[in-house]
Amino acid sequence: MIPFERSLPYDLVMGDVYVPECPFCKKDQVLLLIKPEDVLLAREGKKKLLVFPCCGNKVVVLDSDNDYLLTDTIVRR
């Protein structure tokens, strides 16, 4: 089970990965600079650096499931 405070919800839309809101600058519907294949690789244990294009903040994706990305940083409270 993914810890809630380190989980980041995401959506796959036509081959792109979006988050509903940036956890840092609060911008809506942020297109992430990762591919759906990167999400699958994270599920298999490969870490991926994720840079938010809206504000430049960085987190490392450690794991994923069908709805959430597990990060190394607390992104929600």
Protein backbone atom coordinates (compact mmCIF):
# COMPACT_ATOMS: atom_id res chain seq x y z
CA MET A 1 0.00 0.00 0.00
CA ILE A 2 1.34 3.42 -0.99
CA PRO A 3 1.71 5.96 1.88
CA PHE A 4 -0.87 8.73 1.41
CA GLU A 5 1.43 11.69 2.11
CA ARG A 6 3.95 10.55 -0.53
CA SER A 7 1.40 9.59 -3.17
CA LEU A 8 0.63 11.68 -6.21
CA PRO A 9 -2.52 10.92 -8.21
CA TYR A 10 -2.07 10.81 -11.97
CA ASP A 11 -4.12 10.30 -15.13
CA LEU A 12 -3.19 8.84 -18.48
CA VAL A 13 -4.82 10.79 -21.32
CA MET A 14 -4.07 9.86 -24.93
CA GLY A 15 -0.53 8.71 -24.15
CA ASP A 16 0.33 11.61 -21.81
CA VAL A 17 0.68 11.59 -18.03
CA TYR A 18 -1.08 14.37 -16.09
CA VAL A 19 -1.46 15.24 -12.42
CA PRO A 20 -4.65 17.05 -11.38
CA GLU A 21 -2.66 19.65 -9.43
CA CYS A 22 1.01 20.42 -8.87
CA PRO A 23 1.79 19.74 -5.18
CA PHE A 24 4.21 22.69 -5.09
CA CYS A 25 2.72 25.61 -7.07
CA LYS A 26 -0.91 24.36 -7.17
CA LYS A 27 -1.27 24.73 -10.95
CA ASP A 28 -4.15 22.64 -12.39
CA GLN A 29 -3.78 19.81 -14.94
CA VAL A 30 0.00 19.64 -15.24
CA LEU A 31 1.41 17.61 -18.13
CA LEU A 32 4.33 15.60 -16.74
CA LEU A 33 7.53 15.09 -18.66
CA ILE A 34 7.41 11.31 -18.32
CA LYS A 35 5.93 8.64 -20.56
CA PRO A 36 3.41 5.96 -19.64
CA GLU A 37 6.26 3.46 -20.07
CA ASP A 38 8.12 5.24 -17.24
CA VAL A 39 5.12 4.70 -14.97
CA LEU A 40 5.20 0.98 -15.78
CA LEU A 41 8.96 0.83 -15.17
CA ALA A 42 8.45 2.48 -11.77
CA ARG A 43 5.96 -0.27 -10.96
CA GLU A 44 8.73 -2.77 -11.67
CA GLY A 45 11.16 -0.96 -9.33
CA LYS A 46 13.05 1.46 -11.59
CA LYS A 47 13.33 4.95 -10.10
CA LYS A 48 12.54 7.98 -12.27
CA LEU A 49 13.35 11.66 -11.69
CA LEU A 50 10.23 13.77 -12.21
CA VAL A 51 10.62 17.51 -12.81
CA PHE A 52 7.43 19.57 -12.75
CA PRO A 53 7.49 21.86 -15.81
CA CYS A 54 5.30 24.48 -14.11
CA CYS A 55 7.68 25.32 -11.25
CA GLY A 56 10.85 23.25 -11.67
CA ASN A 57 10.50 21.29 -8.43
CA LYS A 58 11.78 17.72 -8.47
CA VAL A 59 10.74 14.41 -6.92
CA VAL A 60 11.87 10.85 -7.52
CA VAL A 61 9.17 8.35 -8.46
CA LEU A 62 9.85 5.14 -6.53
CA ASP A 63 6.79 3.05 -7.37
CA SER A 64 3.37 3.29 -8.98
CA ASP A 65 0.00 1.63 -9.24
CA ASN A 66 -2.97 2.29 -11.52
CA ASP A 67 -3.86 5.58 -9.82
CA TYR A 68 -0.89 6.92 -7.83
CA LEU A 69 2.83 7.57 -8.08
CA LEU A 70 4.91 6.95 -4.93
CA THR A 71 7.53 9.67 -4.47
CA ASP A 72 10.49 10.15 -2.16
CA THR A 73 9.04 13.46 -0.95
CA ILE A 74 5.95 14.33 1.08
CA VAL A 75 3.62 15.90 -1.49
CA ARG A 76 0.29 15.86 0.40
CA ARG A 77 -0.93 16.35 3.93
